[in-house]
């Protein structure tokens, strides 16, 4: 059986405010690998933050100026261990957000 490497961890159109995107199930480790985001011509300067649920430590920020539609992409690796969660916070304007990654195989 083929192992799925990349999978969709979160997707939402028109995300407003802060939302818990996921919490990792017990015994698993997930890796966020890519984040894609789009914002459509906000009236104000707006920001999208990705941060850890428990510590509120932000590790990624996208910002767009008023009146400018923009797409953003991030590629990297952020590990989330069991019970850890990702919060996505769309400040001042709705964003479309897609997060992909993988479940880390820790062996038998």
Protein backbone atom coordinates (compact mmCIF):
# COMPACT_ATOMS: atom_id res chain seq x y z
CA UNK A 1 0.00 0.00 0.00
CA UNK A 2 1.37 3.43 -0.94
CA UNK A 3 2.05 5.90 1.86
CA UNK A 4 0.54 9.34 1.40
CA UNK A 5 3.27 11.90 1.93
CA UNK A 6 1.53 15.27 1.72
CA UNK A 7 -1.99 15.85 2.93
CA UNK A 8 -4.34 18.73 3.51
CA UNK A 9 -4.16 19.82 7.16
CA UNK A 10 -6.48 22.84 6.93
CA UNK A 11 -8.38 24.87 4.34
CA UNK A 12 -10.88 27.70 4.67
CA UNK A 13 -12.19 30.42 2.44
CA UNK A 14 -12.90 33.79 4.07
CA UNK A 15 -11.25 33.08 7.43
CA UNK A 16 -11.95 35.98 9.82
CA UNK A 17 -10.43 36.34 13.27
CA UNK A 18 -8.56 33.60 15.11
CA UNK A 19 -9.38 29.93 14.53
CA UNK A 20 -7.83 26.71 15.81
CA UNK A 21 -6.86 24.99 12.57
CA UNK A 22 -5.97 21.61 14.11
CA UNK A 23 -4.82 19.75 17.21
CA UNK A 24 -2.51 16.76 16.70
CA UNK A 25 -3.98 13.46 17.96
CA UNK A 26 -2.21 11.51 20.74
CA UNK A 27 0.82 9.52 19.58
CA UNK A 28 1.29 11.51 16.36
CA UNK A 29 3.62 14.22 15.08
CA UNK A 30 2.50 16.43 12.18
CA UNK A 31 4.73 18.66 10.08
CA UNK A 32 3.39 21.82 8.46
CA UNK A 33 5.19 22.02 5.13
CA UNK A 34 3.38 24.64 3.02
CA UNK A 35 1.04 27.55 3.63
CA UNK A 36 -0.79 29.30 0.81
CA UNK A 37 -2.93 32.38 1.45
CA UNK A 38 -4.88 34.95 -0.53
CA UNK A 39 -6.42 38.25 0.49
CA UNK A 40 -8.72 40.27 -1.80
CA UNK A 41 -8.21 44.06 -1.78
CA UNK A 42 -8.84 44.90 1.90
CA UNK A 43 -9.96 48.41 2.87
CA UNK A 44 -7.27 48.45 5.57
CA UNK A 45 -3.79 47.04 5.88
CA UNK A 46 -4.31 43.46 7.02
CA UNK A 47 -2.23 40.63 8.45
CA UNK A 48 -2.42 36.83 8.70
CA UNK A 49 -0.63 35.15 11.61
CA UNK A 50 0.15 31.48 12.21
CA UNK A 51 0.97 30.61 15.79
CA UNK A 52 1.15 27.81 18.32
CA UNK A 53 -2.06 27.19 20.27
CA UNK A 54 -0.56 26.83 23.75
CA UNK A 55 2.23 29.42 23.71
CA UNK A 56 0.65 31.86 21.22
CA UNK A 57 4.12 32.16 19.69
CA UNK A 58 3.74 33.42 16.13
CA UNK A 59 6.02 31.80 13.56
CA UNK A 60 4.64 33.21 10.31
CA UNK A 61 3.08 36.49 9.25
CA UNK A 62 1.78 37.74 5.92
CA UNK A 63 0.68 41.37 5.46
CA UNK A 64 -1.10 43.22 2.68
CA UNK A 65 -1.62 46.93 2.15
CA UNK A 66 -5.04 48.49 1.74
CA UNK A 67 -6.52 48.09 -1.74
CA UNK A 68 -4.07 45.39 -2.82
CA UNK A 69 -5.07 41.79 -3.59
CA UNK A 70 -2.19 39.41 -2.89
CA UNK A 71 -1.23 35.77 -2.80
CA UNK A 72 1.39 34.45 -0.39
CA UNK A 73 3.27 31.17 -0.18
CA UNK A 74 5.50 29.77 2.56
CA UNK A 75 7.53 26.56 2.42
CA UNK A 76 9.39 25.11 5.38
CA UNK A 77 8.95 22.69 8.26
CA UNK A 78 7.22 23.28 11.58
CA UNK A 79 6.74 20.20 13.78
CA UNK A 80 3.64 19.80 15.94
CA UNK A 81 3.71 17.03 18.55
CA UNK A 82 0.69 15.33 20.11
CA UNK A 83 -1.85 17.71 21.67
CA UNK A 84 -0.14 20.75 20.08
CA UNK A 85 -2.28 22.92 17.86
CA UNK A 86 -2.06 25.52 15.13
CA UNK A 87 -4.01 28.78 15.35
CA UNK A 88 -4.52 30.95 12.29
CA UNK A 89 -5.47 34.57 12.92
CA UNK A 90 -6.80 36.77 10.11
CA UNK A 91 -6.49 40.31 11.44
CA UNK A 92 -8.89 43.00 10.13
CA UNK A 93 -9.99 41.24 6.90
CA UNK A 94 -10.96 37.74 5.66
CA UNK A 95 -8.27 35.53 4.09
CA UNK A 96 -8.37 32.28 2.11
CA UNK A 97 -5.92 29.83 3.69
CA UNK A 98 -4.60 26.37 2.78
CA UNK A 99 -2.11 24.43 4.94
CA UNK A 100 -0.52 21.16 3.79
CA UNK A 101 1.98 18.86 5.43
CA UNK A 102 2.46 15.31 6.58
CA UNK A 103 2.24 12.91 9.49
CA UNK A 104 5.75 12.06 10.61
CA UNK A 105 6.34 8.31 10.73
CA UNK A 106 8.09 7.60 14.04
CA UNK A 107 8.62 3.92 13.26
CA UNK A 108 7.08 0.81 14.84
